[in-house]
N, C-alpha and C. Protein backbone atom coordinates (compact mmCIF):
# COMPACT_ATOMS: atom_id res chain seq x y z
N UNK A 1 -9.84 -87.72 285.84
CA UNK A 1 -9.46 -89.08 285.50
C UNK A 1 -8.06 -89.11 284.90
N UNK A 2 -7.75 -88.17 284.00
CA UNK A 2 -6.41 -88.07 283.46
C UNK A 2 -6.06 -89.13 282.43
N UNK A 3 -6.73 -89.07 281.29
CA UNK A 3 -6.45 -90.02 280.21
C UNK A 3 -6.10 -89.22 278.96
N UNK A 4 -4.91 -89.48 278.42
CA UNK A 4 -4.43 -88.76 277.24
C UNK A 4 -4.14 -89.77 276.14
N UNK A 5 -4.67 -89.52 274.95
CA UNK A 5 -4.43 -90.37 273.79
C UNK A 5 -3.50 -89.63 272.83
N UNK A 6 -2.43 -90.28 272.44
CA UNK A 6 -1.49 -89.72 271.47
C UNK A 6 -1.55 -90.60 270.23
N UNK A 7 -2.05 -90.06 269.14
CA UNK A 7 -2.13 -90.77 267.86
C UNK A 7 -1.32 -90.00 266.83
N UNK A 8 -1.13 -90.60 265.68
CA UNK A 8 -0.44 -89.87 264.63
C UNK A 8 0.11 -90.78 263.56
N UNK A 9 0.81 -90.14 262.65
CA UNK A 9 1.41 -90.84 261.52
C UNK A 9 2.56 -91.73 261.99
N UNK A 10 2.92 -92.69 261.16
CA UNK A 10 4.08 -93.53 261.43
C UNK A 10 5.31 -92.64 261.57
N UNK A 11 6.10 -92.88 262.61
CA UNK A 11 7.37 -92.18 262.85
C UNK A 11 7.20 -90.67 263.02
N UNK A 12 6.04 -90.25 263.53
CA UNK A 12 5.80 -88.83 263.76
C UNK A 12 6.27 -88.37 265.13
N UNK A 13 6.73 -89.28 265.96
CA UNK A 13 7.21 -88.92 267.30
C UNK A 13 6.22 -89.25 268.40
N UNK A 14 5.24 -90.08 268.10
CA UNK A 14 4.19 -90.43 269.08
C UNK A 14 4.77 -90.98 270.37
N UNK A 15 5.64 -91.97 270.25
CA UNK A 15 6.18 -92.63 271.43
C UNK A 15 7.02 -91.67 272.26
N UNK A 16 7.86 -90.89 271.60
CA UNK A 16 8.71 -89.93 272.30
C UNK A 16 7.86 -88.93 273.07
N UNK A 17 6.89 -88.34 272.41
CA UNK A 17 6.02 -87.35 273.05
C UNK A 17 5.23 -87.98 274.19
N UNK A 18 4.67 -89.16 273.95
CA UNK A 18 3.85 -89.82 274.97
C UNK A 18 4.67 -90.17 276.20
N UNK A 19 5.88 -90.68 276.01
CA UNK A 19 6.74 -91.02 277.16
C UNK A 19 7.10 -89.76 277.95
N UNK A 20 7.48 -88.71 277.25
CA UNK A 20 7.84 -87.46 277.93
C UNK A 20 6.66 -86.91 278.72
N UNK A 21 5.49 -86.93 278.12
CA UNK A 21 4.29 -86.43 278.78
C UNK A 21 3.94 -87.27 280.00
N UNK A 22 4.00 -88.58 279.85
CA UNK A 22 3.70 -89.47 280.98
C UNK A 22 4.69 -89.23 282.13
N UNK A 23 5.97 -89.10 281.80
CA UNK A 23 6.97 -88.84 282.83
C UNK A 23 6.72 -87.51 283.52
N UNK A 24 6.44 -86.48 282.75
CA UNK A 24 6.21 -85.14 283.30
C UNK A 24 5.00 -85.11 284.23
N UNK A 25 3.94 -85.83 283.86
CA UNK A 25 2.70 -85.82 284.64
C UNK A 25 2.67 -86.90 285.73
N UNK A 26 3.63 -87.82 285.69
CA UNK A 26 3.60 -88.93 286.63
C UNK A 26 2.52 -89.95 286.29
N UNK A 27 2.19 -90.04 284.99
CA UNK A 27 1.17 -90.97 284.52
C UNK A 27 1.83 -92.26 284.04
N UNK A 28 1.04 -93.31 283.93
CA UNK A 28 1.51 -94.54 283.31
C UNK A 28 1.58 -94.33 281.80
N UNK A 29 2.39 -95.14 281.14
CA UNK A 29 2.55 -95.06 279.69
C UNK A 29 2.20 -96.41 279.08
N UNK A 30 1.32 -96.41 278.11
CA UNK A 30 0.94 -97.63 277.39
C UNK A 30 1.15 -97.39 275.90
N UNK A 31 1.90 -98.28 275.27
CA UNK A 31 2.13 -98.21 273.83
C UNK A 31 1.42 -99.37 273.16
N UNK A 32 0.52 -99.06 272.25
CA UNK A 32 -0.17 -100.11 271.50
C UNK A 32 0.85 -100.95 270.73
N UNK A 33 1.87 -100.30 270.18
CA UNK A 33 2.92 -101.03 269.47
C UNK A 33 3.65 -102.02 270.36
N UNK A 34 3.91 -101.62 271.61
CA UNK A 34 4.58 -102.53 272.54
C UNK A 34 3.69 -103.72 272.87
N UNK A 35 2.38 -103.49 272.96
CA UNK A 35 1.45 -104.60 273.21
C UNK A 35 1.52 -105.58 272.04
N UNK A 36 1.52 -105.05 270.80
CA UNK A 36 1.64 -105.93 269.63
C UNK A 36 2.97 -106.70 269.65
N UNK A 37 4.07 -106.01 269.99
CA UNK A 37 5.37 -106.68 270.03
C UNK A 37 5.39 -107.80 271.07
N UNK A 38 4.75 -107.55 272.21
CA UNK A 38 4.68 -108.58 273.26
C UNK A 38 3.91 -109.81 272.77
N UNK A 39 2.79 -109.57 272.10
CA UNK A 39 1.99 -110.68 271.56
C UNK A 39 2.81 -111.47 270.54
N UNK A 40 3.52 -110.75 269.66
CA UNK A 40 4.34 -111.41 268.64
C UNK A 40 5.40 -112.29 269.31
N UNK A 41 6.05 -111.76 270.33
CA UNK A 41 7.08 -112.53 271.04
C UNK A 41 6.48 -113.76 271.70
N UNK A 42 5.31 -113.60 272.33
CA UNK A 42 4.65 -114.73 272.99
C UNK A 42 4.28 -115.82 271.99
N UNK A 43 3.92 -115.42 270.78
CA UNK A 43 3.53 -116.39 269.75
C UNK A 43 4.70 -116.89 268.92
N UNK A 44 5.88 -116.28 269.14
CA UNK A 44 7.06 -116.70 268.40
C UNK A 44 7.02 -116.32 266.93
N UNK A 45 6.39 -115.17 266.63
CA UNK A 45 6.30 -114.69 265.25
C UNK A 45 6.85 -113.27 265.17
N UNK A 46 7.18 -112.85 263.96
CA UNK A 46 7.63 -111.47 263.77
C UNK A 46 6.44 -110.53 263.84
N UNK A 47 6.72 -109.27 263.98
CA UNK A 47 5.66 -108.26 264.00
C UNK A 47 4.89 -108.26 262.68
N UNK A 48 5.60 -108.42 261.59
CA UNK A 48 4.95 -108.48 260.27
C UNK A 48 4.02 -109.69 260.19
N UNK A 49 4.50 -110.83 260.68
CA UNK A 49 3.66 -112.03 260.67
C UNK A 49 2.42 -111.84 261.55
N UNK A 50 2.59 -111.18 262.69
CA UNK A 50 1.44 -110.94 263.57
C UNK A 50 0.42 -110.04 262.87
N UNK A 51 0.89 -109.01 262.19
CA UNK A 51 -0.04 -108.14 261.46
C UNK A 51 -0.78 -108.91 260.37
N UNK A 52 -0.08 -109.82 259.72
CA UNK A 52 -0.75 -110.66 258.71
C UNK A 52 -1.79 -111.56 259.36
N UNK A 53 -1.47 -112.12 260.52
CA UNK A 53 -2.44 -112.94 261.26
C UNK A 53 -3.65 -112.09 261.67
N UNK A 54 -3.37 -110.87 262.12
CA UNK A 54 -4.45 -109.99 262.60
C UNK A 54 -5.42 -109.61 261.49
N UNK A 55 -4.95 -109.64 260.24
CA UNK A 55 -5.85 -109.35 259.12
C UNK A 55 -6.91 -110.43 258.96
N UNK A 56 -6.60 -111.64 259.42
CA UNK A 56 -7.54 -112.76 259.33
C UNK A 56 -8.22 -113.07 260.67
N UNK A 57 -7.53 -112.75 261.76
CA UNK A 57 -8.02 -113.08 263.09
C UNK A 57 -8.26 -111.78 263.86
N UNK A 58 -9.50 -111.31 263.82
CA UNK A 58 -9.84 -110.02 264.42
C UNK A 58 -9.72 -110.02 265.94
N UNK A 59 -9.60 -111.20 266.54
CA UNK A 59 -9.48 -111.25 268.00
C UNK A 59 -8.19 -110.60 268.48
N UNK A 60 -7.17 -110.57 267.63
CA UNK A 60 -5.90 -109.94 268.01
C UNK A 60 -6.11 -108.45 268.22
N UNK A 61 -6.70 -107.78 267.23
CA UNK A 61 -6.97 -106.34 267.36
C UNK A 61 -7.94 -106.06 268.50
N UNK A 62 -8.94 -106.90 268.65
CA UNK A 62 -9.91 -106.70 269.74
C UNK A 62 -9.21 -106.79 271.10
N UNK A 63 -8.28 -107.73 271.23
CA UNK A 63 -7.54 -107.88 272.48
C UNK A 63 -6.71 -106.62 272.76
N UNK A 64 -5.97 -106.16 271.75
CA UNK A 64 -5.14 -104.96 271.91
C UNK A 64 -6.01 -103.75 272.25
N UNK A 65 -7.13 -103.61 271.56
CA UNK A 65 -8.06 -102.52 271.86
C UNK A 65 -8.54 -102.61 273.30
N UNK A 66 -8.87 -103.81 273.76
CA UNK A 66 -9.39 -103.98 275.12
C UNK A 66 -8.33 -103.65 276.16
N UNK A 67 -7.08 -104.00 275.90
CA UNK A 67 -5.99 -103.63 276.81
C UNK A 67 -5.94 -102.11 276.94
N UNK A 68 -6.02 -101.40 275.82
CA UNK A 68 -5.99 -99.93 275.83
C UNK A 68 -7.17 -99.37 276.61
N UNK A 69 -8.35 -99.90 276.37
CA UNK A 69 -9.56 -99.44 277.07
C UNK A 69 -9.46 -99.71 278.56
N UNK A 70 -9.01 -100.89 278.94
CA UNK A 70 -8.88 -101.23 280.36
C UNK A 70 -7.90 -100.29 281.06
N UNK A 71 -6.79 -99.99 280.40
CA UNK A 71 -5.81 -99.07 280.98
C UNK A 71 -6.39 -97.66 281.10
N UNK A 72 -7.15 -97.24 280.08
CA UNK A 72 -7.78 -95.92 280.12
C UNK A 72 -8.78 -95.83 281.27
N UNK A 73 -9.52 -96.88 281.51
CA UNK A 73 -10.50 -96.89 282.60
C UNK A 73 -9.84 -96.70 283.96
N UNK A 74 -8.59 -97.14 284.08
CA UNK A 74 -7.86 -96.98 285.35
C UNK A 74 -7.42 -95.54 285.57
N UNK A 75 -7.31 -94.76 284.49
CA UNK A 75 -6.95 -93.35 284.60
C UNK A 75 -5.46 -93.12 284.76
N UNK A 76 -5.10 -91.84 284.78
CA UNK A 76 -3.71 -91.39 284.93
C UNK A 76 -2.78 -92.16 283.99
N UNK A 77 -3.10 -92.08 282.69
CA UNK A 77 -2.35 -92.83 281.70
C UNK A 77 -2.25 -92.05 280.39
N UNK A 78 -1.15 -92.24 279.71
CA UNK A 78 -0.98 -91.76 278.34
C UNK A 78 -0.93 -93.01 277.47
N UNK A 79 -1.89 -93.10 276.54
CA UNK A 79 -1.96 -94.24 275.63
C UNK A 79 -1.50 -93.77 274.26
N UNK A 80 -0.50 -94.46 273.72
CA UNK A 80 0.09 -94.06 272.44
C UNK A 80 -0.13 -95.15 271.41
N UNK A 81 -0.57 -94.75 270.24
CA UNK A 81 -0.74 -95.68 269.13
C UNK A 81 -1.38 -94.99 267.96
N UNK A 82 -1.19 -95.56 266.79
CA UNK A 82 -1.71 -94.97 265.55
C UNK A 82 -3.20 -94.62 265.68
N UNK A 83 -3.98 -95.50 266.29
CA UNK A 83 -5.43 -95.28 266.42
C UNK A 83 -5.87 -95.08 267.87
N UNK A 84 -4.94 -94.74 268.75
CA UNK A 84 -5.27 -94.63 270.18
C UNK A 84 -6.43 -93.69 270.45
N UNK A 85 -6.45 -92.54 269.78
CA UNK A 85 -7.53 -91.57 270.03
C UNK A 85 -8.89 -92.15 269.66
N UNK A 86 -8.94 -93.01 268.68
CA UNK A 86 -10.20 -93.65 268.29
C UNK A 86 -10.55 -94.77 269.26
N UNK A 87 -9.56 -95.59 269.60
CA UNK A 87 -9.80 -96.76 270.45
C UNK A 87 -10.33 -96.35 271.83
N UNK A 88 -9.75 -95.30 272.42
CA UNK A 88 -10.16 -94.91 273.77
C UNK A 88 -10.96 -93.60 273.76
N UNK A 89 -11.62 -93.34 272.65
CA UNK A 89 -12.34 -92.07 272.48
C UNK A 89 -13.33 -91.77 273.60
N UNK A 90 -13.94 -92.79 274.17
CA UNK A 90 -14.93 -92.56 275.22
C UNK A 90 -14.31 -92.29 276.58
N UNK A 91 -13.00 -92.44 276.70
CA UNK A 91 -12.32 -92.30 277.99
C UNK A 91 -11.28 -91.19 277.99
N UNK A 92 -10.81 -90.78 276.82
CA UNK A 92 -9.74 -89.79 276.74
C UNK A 92 -10.23 -88.39 277.08
N UNK A 93 -9.51 -87.75 277.99
CA UNK A 93 -9.78 -86.35 278.31
C UNK A 93 -9.14 -85.43 277.29
N UNK A 94 -8.01 -85.87 276.76
CA UNK A 94 -7.27 -85.10 275.76
C UNK A 94 -6.84 -86.06 274.65
N UNK A 95 -7.03 -85.63 273.40
CA UNK A 95 -6.60 -86.42 272.24
C UNK A 95 -5.66 -85.56 271.41
N UNK A 96 -4.49 -86.11 271.10
CA UNK A 96 -3.48 -85.39 270.33
C UNK A 96 -3.16 -86.21 269.09
N UNK A 97 -3.11 -85.55 267.93
CA UNK A 97 -2.72 -86.21 266.69
C UNK A 97 -1.45 -85.55 266.19
N UNK A 98 -0.37 -86.33 266.06
CA UNK A 98 0.92 -85.79 265.62
C UNK A 98 1.13 -86.03 264.14
N UNK A 99 1.63 -84.99 263.49
CA UNK A 99 2.00 -85.08 262.08
C UNK A 99 3.43 -84.58 261.96
N UNK A 100 4.14 -85.08 260.97
CA UNK A 100 5.49 -84.60 260.67
C UNK A 100 5.68 -84.73 259.17
N UNK A 101 6.62 -83.93 258.63
CA UNK A 101 6.82 -84.02 257.19
C UNK A 101 7.45 -85.36 256.81
N UNK A 102 7.27 -85.74 255.58
CA UNK A 102 7.69 -87.06 255.10
C UNK A 102 9.18 -87.30 255.30
N UNK A 103 10.01 -86.31 255.03
CA UNK A 103 11.45 -86.51 255.17
C UNK A 103 11.82 -86.81 256.61
N UNK A 104 11.28 -86.06 257.54
CA UNK A 104 11.58 -86.31 258.96
C UNK A 104 11.12 -87.70 259.38
N UNK A 105 9.94 -88.08 258.92
CA UNK A 105 9.42 -89.41 259.28
C UNK A 105 10.25 -90.52 258.65
N UNK A 106 10.65 -90.33 257.38
CA UNK A 106 11.48 -91.33 256.70
C UNK A 106 12.83 -91.47 257.40
N UNK A 107 13.44 -90.34 257.79
CA UNK A 107 14.71 -90.39 258.52
C UNK A 107 14.56 -91.16 259.83
N UNK A 108 13.52 -90.85 260.59
CA UNK A 108 13.29 -91.54 261.87
C UNK A 108 13.07 -93.03 261.66
N UNK A 109 12.22 -93.36 260.70
CA UNK A 109 11.89 -94.76 260.45
C UNK A 109 13.12 -95.54 259.98
N UNK A 110 13.92 -94.94 259.10
CA UNK A 110 15.13 -95.59 258.60
C UNK A 110 16.10 -95.86 259.75
N UNK A 111 16.30 -94.87 260.61
CA UNK A 111 17.19 -95.05 261.76
C UNK A 111 16.67 -96.11 262.71
N UNK A 112 15.39 -96.03 263.02
CA UNK A 112 14.77 -96.94 263.99
C UNK A 112 14.78 -98.38 263.50
N UNK A 113 14.48 -98.59 262.22
CA UNK A 113 14.35 -99.95 261.68
C UNK A 113 15.62 -100.46 261.00
N UNK A 114 16.64 -99.59 260.87
CA UNK A 114 17.87 -100.00 260.21
C UNK A 114 17.68 -100.28 258.73
N UNK A 115 16.87 -99.44 258.09
CA UNK A 115 16.60 -99.61 256.66
C UNK A 115 17.01 -98.34 255.92
N UNK A 116 17.00 -98.40 254.60
CA UNK A 116 17.34 -97.22 253.81
C UNK A 116 16.18 -96.22 253.84
N UNK A 117 16.50 -94.98 253.59
CA UNK A 117 15.45 -93.95 253.54
C UNK A 117 14.47 -94.27 252.41
N UNK A 118 14.99 -94.78 251.29
CA UNK A 118 14.12 -95.17 250.18
C UNK A 118 13.11 -96.23 250.62
N UNK A 119 13.59 -97.23 251.36
CA UNK A 119 12.67 -98.26 251.86
C UNK A 119 11.68 -97.68 252.86
N UNK A 120 12.14 -96.73 253.65
CA UNK A 120 11.26 -96.11 254.65
C UNK A 120 10.13 -95.33 253.98
N UNK A 121 10.43 -94.69 252.86
CA UNK A 121 9.41 -93.91 252.15
C UNK A 121 8.40 -94.84 251.49
N UNK A 122 8.88 -95.98 251.03
CA UNK A 122 7.99 -96.91 250.34
C UNK A 122 7.42 -97.87 251.34
């Protein structure tokens, strides 16, 4: 079937590893974060606002989970997200959890989000 779940800490390199793996294997790539960003754009809200909405409206998380599950059922896919290994646990042939030290993650997050390292750590 060929379903790989890449999970891990914030800014641990999940997206980079998942994209490289998908390219190398000729698999599709699905990012849970990109699904959230698409929903936020469609609703005209920021990602932070969407996360706040999702805390009250569980249908948002259920929808994102279902997108991941549907893609996993199709096979030949790398699904990346903080909880991807849990969400598609019944379909994943391989589950990978990435960890990185705090300094490396803070550096990545600060660069990616355009914030200070201090803000990234907090």
